[in-house]
Amino acid sequence: MPDSALPDPALSALRQRAESGDASALDELIELAAELGDIGELRRLADQGNATATDELIQLAAERADLGELQRLSDSGNATATAQLIETATELDDLETLRRLAHQGSTDAAEVLAELTAQ
């Protein structure tokens, strides 16, 4: 599976414009990647420090219940990803993920875990 789902000509042109400092091209690239569900492209942009790409990546990962991607972002210190990871793990009744987060010091995960295990 290719790293990016974006068509090569569109991707190349947008990347080139974005990398040369064209903010509108960067916005368009992020929007296109989000619309196409291109986690690879969003991850690449997020890893470069783009907050909008990070937000789109978190949203896409949550929609796909991609706990691995949410965990990766959470492990890098992204509080939004941690909150979304807790929410998604709760929806999936993934007690293991909640226990791990609680063990790592997340009081939110500990509270949810206590509620779920009390039921």
PDB file of N, CA and C in Angstrom:
ATOM      1  N   MET A   1       0.841  -1.177   0.000  1.00  0.00           N
ATOM      2  CA  MET A   1       0.000   0.000   0.000  1.00  0.00           C
ATOM      3  C   MET A   1       0.891   1.246   0.000  1.00  0.00           C
ATOM      4  N   PRO A   2       0.634   2.191  -0.890  1.00  0.00           N
ATOM      5  CA  PRO A   2       1.478   3.386  -0.943  1.00  0.00           C
ATOM      6  C   PRO A   2       1.339   4.206   0.328  1.00  0.00           C
ATOM      7  N   ASP A   3       2.387   4.961   0.626  1.00  0.00           N
ATOM      8  CA  ASP A   3       2.392   5.818   1.803  1.00  0.00           C
ATOM      9  C   ASP A   3       1.310   6.876   1.734  1.00  0.00           C
ATOM     10  N   SER A   4       0.983   7.307   0.526  1.00  0.00           N
ATOM     11  CA  SER A   4       0.023   8.373   0.338  1.00  0.00           C
ATOM     12  C   SER A   4      -1.024   7.958  -0.670  1.00  0.00           C
ATOM     13  N   ALA A   5      -2.294   8.297  -0.390  1.00  0.00           N
ATOM     14  CA  ALA A   5      -3.378   7.970  -1.297  1.00  0.00           C
ATOM     15  C   ALA A   5      -3.607   9.079  -2.315  1.00  0.00           C
ATOM     16  N   LEU A   6      -2.910  10.189  -2.173  1.00  0.00           N
ATOM     17  CA  LEU A   6      -3.101  11.306  -3.101  1.00  0.00           C
ATOM     18  C   LEU A   6      -2.511  10.962  -4.458  1.00  0.00           C
ATOM     19  N   PRO A   7      -3.215  11.350  -5.545  1.00  0.00           N
ATOM     20  CA  PRO A   7      -2.669  11.112  -6.885  1.00  0.00           C
ATOM     21  C   PRO A   7      -1.311  11.806  -7.038  1.00  0.00           C
ATOM     22  N   ASP A   8      -0.376  11.135  -7.662  1.00  0.00           N
ATOM     23  CA  ASP A   8       0.992  11.646  -7.764  1.00  0.00           C
ATOM     24  C   ASP A   8       1.105  13.063  -8.324  1.00  0.00           C
ATOM     25  N   PRO A   9       0.483  13.392  -9.469  1.00  0.00           N
ATOM     26  CA  PRO A   9       0.649  14.759  -9.986  1.00  0.00           C
ATOM     27  C   PRO A   9       0.092  15.826  -9.037  1.00  0.00           C
ATOM     28  N   ALA A  10      -1.076  15.572  -8.480  1.00  0.00           N
ATOM     29  CA  ALA A  10      -1.673  16.537  -7.550  1.00  0.00           C
ATOM     30  C   ALA A  10      -0.814  16.665  -6.298  1.00  0.00           C
ATOM     31  N   LEU A  11      -0.363  15.550  -5.802  1.00  0.00           N
ATOM     32  CA  LEU A  11       0.469  15.544  -4.597  1.00  0.00           C
ATOM     33  C   LEU A  11       1.785  16.274  -4.826  1.00  0.00           C
ATOM     34  N   SER A  12       2.439  15.970  -5.929  1.00  0.00           N
ATOM     35  CA  SER A  12       3.727  16.598  -6.218  1.00  0.00           C
ATOM     36  C   SER A  12       3.606  18.114  -6.337  1.00  0.00           C
ATOM     37  N   ALA A  13       2.594  18.558  -7.070  1.00  0.00           N
ATOM     38  CA  ALA A  13       2.415  20.001  -7.264  1.00  0.00           C
ATOM     39  C   ALA A  13       2.086  20.696  -5.948  1.00  0.00           C
ATOM     40  N   LEU A  14       1.183  20.124  -5.181  1.00  0.00           N
ATOM     41  CA  LEU A  14       0.823  20.745  -3.896  1.00  0.00           C
ATOM     42  C   LEU A  14       1.988  20.729  -2.918  1.00  0.00           C
ATOM     43  N   ARG A  15       2.671  19.607  -2.840  1.00  0.00           N
ATOM     44  CA  ARG A  15       3.828  19.522  -1.943  1.00  0.00           C
ATOM     45  C   ARG A  15       4.874  20.560  -2.308  1.00  0.00           C
ATOM     46  N   GLN A  16       5.160  20.671  -3.597  1.00  0.00           N
ATOM     47  CA  GLN A  16       6.182  21.623  -4.045  1.00  0.00           C
ATOM     48  C   GLN A  16       5.790  23.047  -3.669  1.00  0.00           C
ATOM     49  N   ARG A  17       4.541  23.403  -3.929  1.00  0.00           N
ATOM     50  CA  ARG A  17       4.078  24.751  -3.576  1.00  0.00           C
ATOM     51  C   ARG A  17       4.094  24.949  -2.059  1.00  0.00           C
ATOM     52  N   ALA A  18       3.633  23.951  -1.326  1.00  0.00           N
ATOM     53  CA  ALA A  18       3.595  24.059   0.141  1.00  0.00           C
ATOM     54  C   ALA A  18       5.001  24.174   0.720  1.00  0.00           C
ATOM     55  N   GLU A  19       5.918  23.380   0.202  1.00  0.00           N
ATOM     56  CA  GLU A  19       7.289  23.396   0.704  1.00  0.00           C
ATOM     57  C   GLU A  19       8.027  24.678   0.346  1.00  0.00           C
ATOM     58  N   SER A  20       7.525  25.386  -0.661  1.00  0.00           N
ATOM     59  CA  SER A  20       8.150  26.670  -1.005  1.00  0.00           C
ATOM     60  C   SER A  20       7.488  27.825  -0.261  1.00  0.00           C
ATOM     61  N   GLY A  21       6.631  27.497   0.703  1.00  0.00           N
ATOM     62  CA  GLY A  21       6.070  28.524   1.567  1.00  0.00           C
ATOM     63  C   GLY A  21       4.684  29.012   1.201  1.00  0.00           C
ATOM     64  N   ASP A  22       4.024  28.366   0.253  1.00  0.00           N
ATOM     65  CA  ASP A  22       2.674  28.756  -0.155  1.00  0.00           C
ATOM     66  C   ASP A  22       1.670  28.215   0.861  1.00  0.00           C
ATOM     67  N   ALA A  23       1.203  29.105   1.756  1.00  0.00           N
ATOM     68  CA  ALA A  23       0.303  28.699   2.833  1.00  0.00           C
ATOM     69  C   ALA A  23      -1.013  28.152   2.301  1.00  0.00           C
ATOM     70  N   SER A  24      -1.513  28.724   1.219  1.00  0.00           N
ATOM     71  CA  SER A  24      -2.786  28.225   0.678  1.00  0.00           C
ATOM     72  C   SER A  24      -2.610  26.824   0.095  1.00  0.00           C
ATOM     73  N   ALA A  25      -1.451  26.544  -0.481  1.00  0.00           N
ATOM     74  CA  ALA A  25      -1.176  25.200  -0.996  1.00  0.00           C
ATOM     75  C   ALA A  25      -1.097  24.202   0.154  1.00  0.00           C
ATOM     76  N   LEU A  26      -0.492  24.614   1.252  1.00  0.00           N
ATOM     77  CA  LEU A  26      -0.414  23.746   2.423  1.00  0.00           C
ATOM     78  C   LEU A  26      -1.811  23.454   2.963  1.00  0.00           C
ATOM     79  N   ASP A  27      -2.632  24.484   3.062  1.00  0.00           N
ATOM     80  CA  ASP A  27      -4.009  24.288   3.517  1.00  0.00           C
ATOM     81  C   ASP A  27      -4.762  23.342   2.580  1.00  0.00           C
ATOM     82  N   GLU A  28      -4.569  23.530   1.277  1.00  0.00           N
ATOM     83  CA  GLU A  28      -5.230  22.684   0.279  1.00  0.00           C
ATOM     84  C   GLU A  28      -4.739  21.243   0.382  1.00  0.00           C
ATOM     85  N   LEU A  29      -3.452  21.073   0.598  1.00  0.00           N
ATOM     86  CA  LEU A  29      -2.872  19.740   0.741  1.00  0.00           C
ATOM     87  C   LEU A  29      -3.465  19.023   1.953  1.00  0.00           C
ATOM     88  N   ILE A  30      -3.585  19.734   3.053  1.00  0.00           N
ATOM     89  CA  ILE A  30      -4.156  19.148   4.266  1.00  0.00           C
ATOM     90  C   ILE A  30      -5.618  18.799   4.041  1.00  0.00           C
ATOM     91  N   GLU A  31      -6.358  19.712   3.436  1.00  0.00           N
ATOM     92  CA  GLU A  31      -7.778  19.477   3.171  1.00  0.00           C
ATOM     93  C   GLU A  31      -7.971  18.264   2.254  1.00  0.00           C
ATOM     94  N   LEU A  32      -7.183  18.180   1.209  1.00  0.00           N
ATOM     95  CA  LEU A  32      -7.272  17.064   0.277  1.00  0.00           C
ATOM     96  C   LEU A  32      -6.922  15.743   0.965  1.00  0.00           C
ATOM     97  N   ALA A  33      -5.868  15.754   1.734  1.00  0.00           N
ATOM     98  CA  ALA A  33      -5.467  14.541   2.455  1.00  0.00           C
ATOM     99  C   ALA A  33      -6.563  14.098   3.420  1.00  0.00           C
ATOM    100  N   ALA A  34      -7.185  15.049   4.104  1.00  0.00           N
ATOM    101  CA  ALA A  34      -8.257  14.714   5.042  1.00  0.00           C
ATOM    102  C   ALA A  34      -9.468  14.146   4.299  1.00  0.00           C
ATOM    103  N   GLU A  35      -9.831  14.776   3.183  1.00  0.00           N
ATOM    104  CA  GLU A  35     -10.979  14.303   2.401  1.00  0.00           C
ATOM    105  C   GLU A  35     -10.763  12.888   1.879  1.00  0.00           C
ATOM    106  N   LEU A  36      -9.525  12.592   1.479  1.00  0.00           N
ATOM    107  CA  LEU A  36      -9.206  11.281   0.930  1.00  0.00           C
ATOM    108  C   LEU A  36      -8.872  10.254   2.014  1.00  0.00           C
ATOM    109  N   GLY A  37      -8.811  10.700   3.260  1.00  0.00           N
ATOM    110  CA  GLY A  37      -8.464   9.787   4.341  1.00  0.00           C
ATOM    111  C   GLY A  37      -7.024   9.323   4.273  1.00  0.00           C
ATOM    112  N   ASP A  38      -6.158  10.196   3.817  1.00  0.00           N
ATOM    113  CA  ASP A  38      -4.747   9.863   3.612  1.00  0.00           C
ATOM    114  C   ASP A  38      -3.966  10.072   4.913  1.00  0.00           C
ATOM    115  N   ILE A  39      -3.957   9.041   5.722  1.00  0.00           N
ATOM    116  CA  ILE A  39      -3.261   9.114   7.012  1.00  0.00           C
ATOM    117  C   ILE A  39      -1.769   9.351   6.816  1.00  0.00           C
ATOM    118  N   GLY A  40      -1.181   8.757   5.809  1.00  0.00           N
ATOM    119  CA  GLY A  40       0.257   8.920   5.569  1.00  0.00           C
ATOM    120  C   GLY A  40       0.640  10.364   5.326  1.00  0.00           C
ATOM    121  N   GLU A  41      -0.120  11.043   4.489  1.00  0.00           N
ATOM    122  CA  GLU A  41       0.182  12.447   4.199  1.00  0.00           C
ATOM    123  C   GLU A  41      -0.070  13.316   5.424  1.00  0.00           C
ATOM    124  N   LEU A  42      -1.173  13.069   6.111  1.00  0.00           N
ATOM    125  CA  LEU A  42      -1.456  13.854   7.321  1.00  0.00           C
ATOM    126  C   LEU A  42      -0.382  13.614   8.381  1.00  0.00           C
ATOM    127  N   ARG A  43       0.060  12.376   8.516  1.00  0.00           N
ATOM    128  CA  ARG A  43       1.116  12.061   9.489  1.00  0.00           C
ATOM    129  C   ARG A  43       2.398  12.800   9.125  1.00  0.00           C
ATOM    130  N   ARG A  44       2.746  12.805   7.831  1.00  0.00           N
ATOM    131  CA  ARG A  44       3.961  13.483   7.387  1.00  0.00           C
ATOM    132  C   ARG A  44       3.911  14.967   7.748  1.00  0.00           C
ATOM    133  N   LEU A  45       2.782  15.595   7.475  1.00  0.00           N
ATOM    134  CA  LEU A  45       2.636  17.025   7.775  1.00  0.00           C
ATOM    135  C   LEU A  45       2.568  17.284   9.278  1.00  0.00           C
ATOM    136  N   ALA A  46       1.882  16.420   9.992  1.00  0.00           N
ATOM    137  CA  ALA A  46       1.799  16.566  11.448  1.00  0.00           C
ATOM    138  C   ALA A  46       3.177  16.408  12.085  1.00  0.00           C
ATOM    139  N   ASP A  47       3.952  15.447  11.579  1.00  0.00           N
ATOM    140  CA  ASP A  47       5.291  15.224  12.121  1.00  0.00           C
ATOM    141  C   ASP A  47       6.233  16.394  11.836  1.00  0.00           C
ATOM    142  N   GLN A  48       5.865  17.231  10.869  1.00  0.00           N
ATOM    143  CA  GLN A  48       6.628  18.453  10.585  1.00  0.00           C
ATOM    144  C   GLN A  48       6.178  19.605  11.475  1.00  0.00           C
ATOM    145  N   GLY A  49       5.204  19.334  12.348  1.00  0.00           N
ATOM    146  CA  GLY A  49       4.765  20.346  13.296  1.00  0.00           C
ATOM    147  C   GLY A  49       3.534  21.127  12.876  1.00  0.00           C
ATOM    148  N   ASN A  50       2.833  20.688  11.833  1.00  0.00           N
ATOM    149  CA  ASN A  50       1.649  21.415  11.392  1.00  0.00           C
ATOM    150  C   ASN A  50       0.457  21.051  12.271  1.00  0.00           C
ATOM    151  N   ALA A  51      -0.045  22.021  13.026  1.00  0.00           N
ATOM    152  CA  ALA A  51      -1.131  21.781  13.981  1.00  0.00           C
ATOM    153  C   ALA A  51      -2.436  21.398  13.288  1.00  0.00           C
ATOM    154  N   THR A  52      -2.717  22.002  12.146  1.00  0.00           N
ATOM    155  CA  THR A  52      -3.947  21.681  11.425  1.00  0.00           C
ATOM    156  C   THR A  52      -3.913  20.233  10.943  1.00  0.00           C
ATOM    157  N   ALA A  53      -2.783  19.809  10.409  1.00  0.00           N
ATOM    158  CA  ALA A  53      -2.636  18.418   9.963  1.00  0.00           C
ATOM    159  C   ALA A  53      -2.773  17.468  11.156  1.00  0.00           C
ATOM    160  N   THR A  54      -2.213  17.858  12.290  1.00  0.00           N
ATOM    161  CA  THR A  54      -2.324  17.030  13.494  1.00  0.00           C
ATOM    162  C   THR A  54      -3.773  16.888  13.904  1.00  0.00           C
ATOM    163  N   ASP A  55      -4.511  17.983  13.913  1.00  0.00           N
ATOM    164  CA  ASP A  55      -5.931  17.930  14.276  1.00  0.00           C
ATOM    165  C   ASP A  55      -6.710  17.034  13.318  1.00  0.00           C
ATOM    166  N   GLU A  56      -6.437  17.169  12.022  1.00  0.00           N
ATOM    167  CA  GLU A  56      -7.123  16.334  11.022  1.00  0.00           C
ATOM    168  C   GLU A  56      -6.741  14.864  11.200  1.00  0.00           C
ATOM    169  N   LEU A  57      -5.486  14.608  11.520  1.00  0.00           N
ATOM    170  CA  LEU A  57      -5.022  13.246  11.737  1.00  0.00           C
ATOM    171  C   LEU A  57      -5.717  12.627  12.944  1.00  0.00           C
ATOM    172  N   ILE A  58      -5.845  13.380  14.016  1.00  0.00           N
ATOM    173  CA  ILE A  58      -6.536  12.894  15.212  1.00  0.00           C
ATOM    174  C   ILE A  58      -7.990  12.572  14.877  1.00  0.00           C
ATOM    175  N   GLN A  59      -8.635  13.470  14.155  1.00  0.00           N
ATOM    176  CA  GLN A  59     -10.039  13.256  13.797  1.00  0.00           C
ATOM    177  C   GLN A  59     -10.192  12.004  12.929  1.00  0.00           C
ATOM    178  N   LEU A  60      -9.334  11.849  11.934  1.00  0.00           N
ATOM    179  CA  LEU A  60      -9.403  10.691  11.050  1.00  0.00           C
ATOM    180  C   LEU A  60      -9.115   9.402  11.817  1.00  0.00           C
ATOM    181  N   ALA A  61      -8.117   9.432  12.667  1.00  0.00           N
ATOM    182  CA  ALA A  61      -7.784   8.242  13.460  1.00  0.00           C
ATOM    183  C   ALA A  61      -8.945   7.867  14.379  1.00  0.00           C
ATOM    184  N   ALA A  62      -9.608   8.854  14.947  1.00  0.00           N
ATOM    185  CA  ALA A  62     -10.759   8.584  15.805  1.00  0.00           C
ATOM    186  C   ALA A  62     -11.903   7.977  14.998  1.00  0.00           C
ATOM    187  N   GLU A  63     -12.164   8.534  13.815  1.00  0.00           N
ATOM    188  CA  GLU A  63     -13.230   7.991  12.957  1.00  0.00           C
ATOM    189  C   GLU A  63     -12.969   6.538  12.597  1.00  0.00           C
ATOM    190  N   ARG A  64     -11.712   6.196  12.431  1.00  0.00           N
ATOM    191  CA  ARG A  64     -11.325   4.830  12.057  1.00  0.00           C
ATOM    192  C   ARG A  64     -11.058   3.948  13.276  1.00  0.00           C
ATOM    193  N   ALA A  65     -11.217   4.516  14.465  1.00  0.00           N
ATOM    194  CA  ALA A  65     -10.904   3.798  15.707  1.00  0.00           C
ATOM    195  C   ALA A  65      -9.479   3.243  15.657  1.00  0.00           C
ATOM    196  N   ASP A  66      -8.560   4.056  15.147  1.00  0.00           N
ATOM    197  CA  ASP A  66      -7.155   3.678  15.009  1.00  0.00           C
ATOM    198  C   ASP A  66      -6.432   4.009  16.313  1.00  0.00           C
ATOM    199  N   LEU A  67      -6.525   3.072  17.257  1.00  0.00           N
ATOM    200  CA  LEU A  67      -5.916   3.300  18.569  1.00  0.00           C
ATOM    201  C   LEU A  67      -4.407   3.438  18.485  1.00  0.00           C
ATOM    202  N   GLY A  68      -3.795   2.748  17.541  1.00  0.00           N
ATOM    203  CA  GLY A  68      -2.345   2.829  17.389  1.00  0.00           C
ATOM    204  C   GLY A  68      -1.881   4.232  17.032  1.00  0.00           C
ATOM    205  N   GLU A  69      -2.580   4.858  16.082  1.00  0.00           N
ATOM    206  CA  GLU A  69      -2.210   6.222  15.670  1.00  0.00           C
ATOM    207  C   GLU A  69      -2.496   7.203  16.805  1.00  0.00           C
ATOM    208  N   LEU A  70      -3.629   7.045  17.457  1.00  0.00           N
ATOM    209  CA  LEU A  70      -3.951   7.925  18.583  1.00  0.00           C
ATOM    210  C   LEU A  70      -2.923   7.762  19.702  1.00  0.00           C
ATOM    211  N   GLN A  71      -2.509   6.516  19.951  1.00  0.00           N
ATOM    212  CA  GLN A  71      -1.501   6.260  20.986  1.00  0.00           C
ATOM    213  C   GLN A  71      -0.172   6.902  20.619  1.00  0.00           C
ATOM    214  N   ARG A  72       0.214   6.807  19.335  1.00  0.00           N
ATOM    215  CA  ARG A  72       1.467   7.405  18.871  1.00  0.00           C
ATOM    216  C   ARG A  72       1.464   8.913  19.118  1.00  0.00           C
ATOM    217  N   LEU A  73       0.356   9.551  18.769  1.00  0.00           N
ATOM    218  CA  LEU A  73       0.240  10.998  18.975  1.00  0.00           C
ATOM    219  C   LEU A  73       0.186  11.342  20.462  1.00  0.00           C
ATOM    220  N   SER A  74      -0.520  10.537  21.218  1.00  0.00           N
ATOM    221  CA  SER A  74      -0.596  10.739  22.662  1.00  0.00           C
ATOM    222  C   SER A  74       0.787  10.606  23.301  1.00  0.00           C
ATOM    223  N   ASP A  75       1.531   9.593  22.873  1.00  0.00           N
ATOM    224  CA  ASP A  75       2.874   9.363  23.412  1.00  0.00           C
ATOM    225  C   ASP A  75       3.815  10.527  23.115  1.00  0.00           C
ATOM    226  N   SER A  76       3.520  11.269  22.047  1.00  0.00           N
ATOM    227  CA  SER A  76       4.358  12.424  21.715  1.00  0.00           C
ATOM    228  C   SER A  76       3.941  13.670  22.493  1.00  0.00           C
ATOM    229  N   GLY A  77       2.958  13.509  23.386  1.00  0.00           N
ATOM    230  CA  GLY A  77       2.568  14.615  24.255  1.00  0.00           C
ATOM    231  C   GLY A  77       1.356  15.398  23.796  1.00  0.00           C
ATOM    232  N   ASN A  78       0.632  14.920  22.806  1.00  0.00           N
ATOM    233  CA  ASN A  78      -0.531  15.639  22.303  1.00  0.00           C
ATOM    234  C   ASN A  78      -1.735  15.349  23.198  1.00  0.00           C
ATOM    235  N   ALA A  79      -2.166  16.355  23.948  1.00  0.00           N
ATOM    236  CA  ALA A  79      -3.268  16.191  24.898  1.00  0.00           C
ATOM    237  C   ALA A  79      -4.590  15.895  24.200  1.00  0.00           C
ATOM    238  N   THR A  80      -4.801  16.474  23.027  1.00  0.00           N
ATOM    239  CA  THR A  80      -6.036  16.209  22.282  1.00  0.00           C
ATOM    240  C   THR A  80      -6.088  14.748  21.864  1.00  0.00           C
ATOM    241  N   ALA A  81      -4.960  14.225  21.419  1.00  0.00           N
ATOM    242  CA  ALA A  81      -4.894  12.811  21.031  1.00  0.00           C
ATOM    243  C   ALA A  81      -5.146  11.917  22.236  1.00  0.00           C
ATOM    244  N   THR A  82      -4.619  12.298  23.391  1.00  0.00           N
ATOM    245  CA  THR A  82      -4.843  11.509  24.601  1.00  0.00           C
ATOM    246  C   THR A  82      -6.325  11.491  24.958  1.00  0.00           C
ATOM    247  N   ALA A  83      -6.957  12.640  24.909  1.00  0.00           N
ATOM    248  CA  ALA A  83      -8.396  12.715  25.212  1.00  0.00           C
ATOM    249  C   ALA A  83      -9.199  11.880  24.218  1.00  0.00           C
ATOM    250  N   GLN A  84      -8.825  11.956  22.940  1.00  0.00           N
ATOM    251  CA  GLN A  84      -9.537  11.182  21.924  1.00  0.00           C
ATOM    252  C   GLN A  84      -9.269   9.694  22.092  1.00  0.00           C
ATOM    253  N   LEU A  85      -8.061   9.343  22.484  1.00  0.00           N
ATOM    254  CA  LEU A  85      -7.720   7.943  22.739  1.00  0.00           C
ATOM    255  C   LEU A  85      -8.573   7.393  23.877  1.00  0.00           C
ATOM    256  N   ILE A  86      -8.726   8.164  24.926  1.00  0.00           N
ATOM    257  CA  ILE A  86      -9.560   7.744  26.052  1.00  0.00           C
ATOM    258  C   ILE A  86     -11.005   7.563  25.589  1.00  0.00           C
ATOM    259  N   GLU A  87     -11.511   8.526  24.826  1.00  0.00           N
ATOM    260  CA  GLU A  87     -12.888   8.451  24.346  1.00  0.00           C
ATOM    261  C   GLU A  87     -13.097   7.223  23.444  1.00  0.00           C
ATOM    262  N   THR A  88     -12.180   7.016  22.520  1.00  0.00           N
ATOM    263  CA  THR A  88     -12.306   5.895  21.591  1.00  0.00           C
ATOM    264  C   THR A  88     -12.156   4.563  22.318  1.00  0.00           C
ATOM    265  N   ALA A  89     -11.204   4.476  23.224  1.00  0.00           N
ATOM    266  CA  ALA A  89     -11.023   3.243  23.999  1.00  0.00           C
ATOM    267  C   ALA A  89     -12.265   2.951  24.834  1.00  0.00           C
ATOM    268  N   THR A  90     -12.875   4.000  25.364  1.00  0.00           N
ATOM    269  CA  THR A  90     -14.101   3.833  26.145  1.00  0.00           C
ATOM    270  C   THR A  90     -15.221   3.288  25.261  1.00  0.00           C
ATOM    271  N   GLU A  91     -15.380   3.881  24.076  1.00  0.00           N
ATOM    272  CA  GLU A  91     -16.415   3.424  23.145  1.00  0.00           C
ATOM    273  C   GLU A  91     -16.216   1.966  22.749  1.00  0.00           C
ATOM    274  N   LEU A  92     -14.955   1.543  22.662  1.00  0.00           N
ATOM    275  CA  LEU A  92     -14.635   0.168  22.268  1.00  0.00           C
ATOM    276  C   LEU A  92     -14.534  -0.789  23.456  1.00  0.00           C
ATOM    277  N   ASP A  93     -14.778  -0.270  24.663  1.00  0.00           N
ATOM    278  CA  ASP A  93     -14.600  -1.056  25.889  1.00  0.00           C
ATOM    279  C   ASP A  93     -13.207  -1.667  25.961  1.00  0.00           C
ATOM    280  N   ASP A  94     -12.214  -0.894  25.569  1.00  0.00           N
ATOM    281  CA  ASP A  94     -10.823  -1.349  25.572  1.00  0.00           C
ATOM    282  C   ASP A  94     -10.199  -1.011  26.923  1.00  0.00           C
ATOM    283  N   LEU A  95     -10.427  -1.901  27.871  1.00  0.00           N
ATOM    284  CA  LEU A  95      -9.930  -1.678  29.232  1.00  0.00           C
ATOM    285  C   LEU A  95      -8.408  -1.697  29.303  1.00  0.00           C
ATOM    286  N   GLU A  96      -7.779  -2.475  28.435  1.00  0.00           N
ATOM    287  CA  GLU A  96      -6.314  -2.552  28.442  1.00  0.00           C
ATOM    288  C   GLU A  96      -5.699  -1.178  28.135  1.00  0.00           C
ATOM    289  N   THR A  97      -6.221  -0.514  27.112  1.00  0.00           N
ATOM    290  CA  THR A  97      -5.706   0.816  26.770  1.00  0.00           C
ATOM    291  C   THR A  97      -5.960   1.793  27.901  1.00  0.00           C
ATOM    292  N   LEU A  98      -7.137   1.746  28.473  1.00  0.00           N
ATOM    293  CA  LEU A  98      -7.463   2.637  29.591  1.00  0.00           C
ATOM    294  C   LEU A  98      -6.565   2.364  30.793  1.00  0.00           C
ATOM    295  N   ARG A  99      -6.298   1.094  31.074  1.00  0.00           N
ATOM    296  CA  ARG A  99      -5.396   0.748  32.187  1.00  0.00           C
ATOM    297  C   ARG A  99      -3.981   1.289  31.939  1.00  0.00           C
ATOM    298  N   ARG A 100      -3.521   1.128  30.688  1.00  0.00           N
ATOM    299  CA  ARG A 100      -2.173   1.614  30.351  1.00  0.00           C
ATOM    300  C   ARG A 100      -2.092   3.133  30.537  1.00  0.00           C
ATOM    301  N   LEU A 101      -3.101   3.847  30.066  1.00  0.00           N
ATOM    302  CA  LEU A 101      -3.109   5.306  30.215  1.00  0.00           C
ATOM    303  C   LEU A 101      -3.194   5.709  31.682  1.00  0.00           C
ATOM    304  N   ALA A 102      -4.010   5.017  32.432  1.00  0.00           N
ATOM    305  CA  ALA A 102      -4.121   5.309  33.867  1.00  0.00           C
ATOM    306  C   ALA A 102      -2.786   5.048  34.565  1.00  0.00           C
ATOM    307  N   HIS A 103      -2.133   3.957  34.194  1.00  0.00           N
ATOM    308  CA  HIS A 103      -0.832   3.623  34.772  1.00  0.00           C
ATOM    309  C   HIS A 103       0.208   4.682  34.423  1.00  0.00           C
ATOM    310  N   GLN A 104       0.053   5.311  33.243  1.00  0.00           N
ATOM    311  CA  GLN A 104       0.975   6.372  32.822  1.00  0.00           C
ATOM    312  C   GLN A 104       0.646   7.703  33.468  1.00  0.00           C
ATOM    313  N   GLY A 105      -0.403   7.743  34.291  1.00  0.00           N
ATOM    314  CA  GLY A 105      -0.717   8.956  35.034  1.00  0.00           C
ATOM    315  C   GLY A 105      -1.932   9.726  34.576  1.00  0.00           C
ATOM    316  N   SER A 106      -2.699   9.196  33.628  1.00  0.00           N
ATOM    317  CA  SER A 106      -3.883   9.910  33.164  1.00  0.00           C
ATOM    318  C   SER A 106      -5.025   9.725  34.163  1.00  0.00           C
ATOM    319  N   THR A 107      -5.362  10.813  34.838  1.00  0.00           N
ATOM    320  CA  THR A 107      -6.478  10.748  35.790  1.00  0.00           C
ATOM    321  C   THR A 107      -7.806  10.565  35.061  1.00  0.00           C
ATOM    322  N   ASP A 108      -7.929  11.122  33.850  1.00  0.00           N
ATOM    323  CA  ASP A 108      -9.160  10.934  33.069  1.00  0.00           C
ATOM    324  C   ASP A 108      -9.366   9.459  32.742  1.00  0.00           C
ATOM    325  N   ALA A 109      -8.320   8.796  32.308  1.00  0.00           N
ATOM    326  CA  ALA A 109      -8.421   7.366  31.997  1.00  0.00           C
ATOM    327  C   ALA A 109      -8.731   6.570  33.256  1.00  0.00           C
ATOM    328  N   ALA A 110      -8.122   6.943  34.368  1.00  0.00           N
ATOM    329  CA  ALA A 110      -8.380   6.244  35.634  1.00  0.00           C
ATOM    330  C   ALA A 110      -9.836   6.401  36.052  1.00  0.00           C
ATOM    331  N   GLU A 111     -10.386   7.595  35.869  1.00  0.00           N
ATOM    332  CA  GLU A 111     -11.791   7.822  36.236  1.00  0.00           C
ATOM    333  C   GLU A 111     -12.730   7.009  35.354  1.00  0.00           C
ATOM    334  N   VAL A 112     -12.471   6.996  34.061  1.00  0.00           N
ATOM    335  CA  VAL A 112     -13.311   6.210  33.139  1.00  0.00           C
ATOM    336  C   VAL A 112     -13.189   4.735  33.455  1.00  0.00           C
ATOM    337  N   LEU A 113     -11.994   4.281  33.709  1.00  0.00           N
ATOM    338  CA  LEU A 113     -11.756   2.888  34.040  1.00  0.00           C
ATOM    339  C   LEU A 113     -12.505   2.509  35.317  1.00  0.00           C
ATOM    340  N   ALA A 114     -12.454   3.361  36.310  1.00  0.00           N
ATOM    341  CA  ALA A 114     -13.179   3.091  37.566  1.00  0.00           C
ATOM    342  C   ALA A 114     -14.674   3.006  37.314  1.00  0.00           C
ATOM    343  N   GLU A 115     -15.201   3.899  36.486  1.00  0.00           N
ATOM    344  CA  GLU A 115     -16.628   3.856  36.161  1.00  0.00           C
ATOM    345  C   GLU A 115     -16.995   2.579  35.430  1.00  0.00           C
ATOM    346  N   LEU A 116     -16.176   2.191  34.449  1.00  0.00           N
ATOM    347  CA  LEU A 116     -16.478   1.001  33.662  1.00  0.00           C
ATOM    348  C   LEU A 116     -16.389  -0.283  34.487  1.00  0.00           C
ATOM    349  N   THR A 117     -15.406  -0.347  35.356  1.00  0.00           N
ATOM    350  CA  THR A 117     -15.246  -1.572  36.158  1.00  0.00           C
ATOM    351  C   THR A 117     -16.246  -1.643  37.305  1.00  0.00           C
ATOM    352  N   ALA A 118     -16.821  -0.495  37.680  1.00  0.00           N
ATOM    353  CA  ALA A 118     -17.826  -0.476  38.740  1.00  0.00           C
ATOM    354  C   ALA A 118     -19.183  -0.952  38.222  1.00  0.00           C
ATOM    355  N   GLN A 119     -19.366  -0.892  36.923  1.00  0.00           N
ATOM    356  CA  GLN A 119     -20.659  -1.289  36.322  1.00  0.00           C
ATOM    357  C   GLN A 119     -20.836  -2.771  36.262  1.00  0.00           C
TER     358      GLN A 119
END
